Amino acid sequence: MKLNRFLGIVIIPVFLCCCFTCAKSKTGGKNDSAKEIQYEQSNDIFPNPERGFIHNLEIHSEGDPLEPAMLTALKNENVSMILRLYYLENFKDQPINNAELSLITSDMQKLRDAGVKCVLRFAYTDDMSGTDAPFSIISQHLDQLKPILEENKDVIAFVQAGLIGAWGEWHSSSNGLATVENERKVLDKLLSVLPAEIMVQVRTPGQKQQIFNTTLPVSSAIAYTSEKAARVGHHNDCFMASADDYGTYTNVQADKEYISNEGLFVPTGGETCPPDPPGSTPTCTVATSTMKQLRWTYLNLDWYAPTINAWKAAGCFEELQRNLGYRLALETASFPGQVAVNQELTVNIKITNKGYAPLYNHKITTLVLKNNTSGEIHEIELPVDLRECKPLAEFKIDKIVKTTGILQGVYDLYLKISDNSTSLKNRSEYSVRLANTNVWVEENGGMNNLKHQLKIGD
């Protein structure tokens, strides 16, 4: 941050993986025989929640709030997320005042109104020779921020640890906080005030390893639990800028392998820096392969602009737009053509992830039945976790659900992947669009057409 830049019943769960196309059906002779659909994948660029390029919108104490028109315009850039960095320089020796707390609360509502989320960071100085705050003040401030964080957890994608040193980047501290002991205290306090479902990112892999006293990456054994290590990911603020990314890595190969393994379960992202040596901007091949290796889910558009512009000129910017984070697509699906009223329905759907990273926040996955005469909609929640669809892998939804209470008729089928929060689950801006041709519809909070009609009844 070196500049101000902007500007339903489950019978059997099965997990596998694969790729999808648009509407070829194979059916047997009976009315209730399964119909297999293949789906066509799309190269279209479109925004999806909690992934992709972001803008950095930083603000100093009691500064200018977010502008609704600017937030709404982000959709034209296929941007769904910002980094909101609050500098608390006026409060290094006192509580945060009500005006600042109200400003933060107002900003969160503006994000919600605009259909945007944020990566959140707090810091006390943007100057290497500046001062941060002592731990006692940091602790007090986090206690003050706790109700705001809880109230607005729906629009917070991740939180960067921040608070220590210039830009909150943890490489120095006027109050002696850049030590393992004090970094652990700050991180523990931050995790304690955040809602349990929100993950935190620290600046280097070595810092996480030292804080938790292990070089073992997060594994499926503890992933998505309340264990502290399972809630901590990585942000690199000098990505691909030098051999060791300006000190981000101690042992480059080992540290990258560690982040690659962690990135299956915790978020990675950040920004670039002026390259060292000058003129050594990474090529498109290096950029895309490194992001793929390290499971990158977002990248700041505003810093370092010459590097971003070089990728645009070289022709890989659109590839990054598509593949940063998750990119889920339907591959195949099969459903019966007909079931009796209140009969069980077998659902088989294959999804593939062509992106660099998985989803990190839990989503609600729903089979939607829409009566093609009355338009009446029924939703059956599918007990699956799409975070398990890892990069370049397939995921199979193989479930048996009940159609209890759904009247006879002909129904179009849709797959809805919505936000986990009740406040956003019916907002299309926060639902996941699948990368297939002619499947996305905005209605009912955003859903994906499965290209199948199901008859219920005789």
Foldseek 3Di string as FASTA:
>chain_A
DQDQDFCFDFDDFDWFFDFFQVADWDFDDDQFTKIKGGRFFFLDFFAAAPFEAEGEHEAEQLGDADDLVVLLCVRVVSHAEYEYEYADQVDQPHERDPSRLVRLLVNLVSSVVNLHAYAYAYEHAQDQPDAFHAVVSLLRHLVVCLVSQVVRVLRHQAYELARAGHVRQLPDHPRPQSDLVNSLVSLVSNCVSHDQQHAYEHAALVSLCSNVVHLAADDPVCFRHSPNRNRYAHEYAAPPQEPQSVVRDPPRVSRLQRLLRNQLRYAYEHEHAQHVVHPPQDDLVVVVVSLLSNLAGYYYCTPPVVSLVVCVVNPCNSVSSQAREWAKAWGMWMWTQEDEAFDKTWTKTKMATQHSGARHGWWWKWKWWAAPPPRDIDIHTQPDTRSNRTHGIMTIGTGIGTNHPDDFGKTFIWIWTARPDPSQRQALSNIGDHRTPPFWDPPRSIIGGPNGMHGYHD
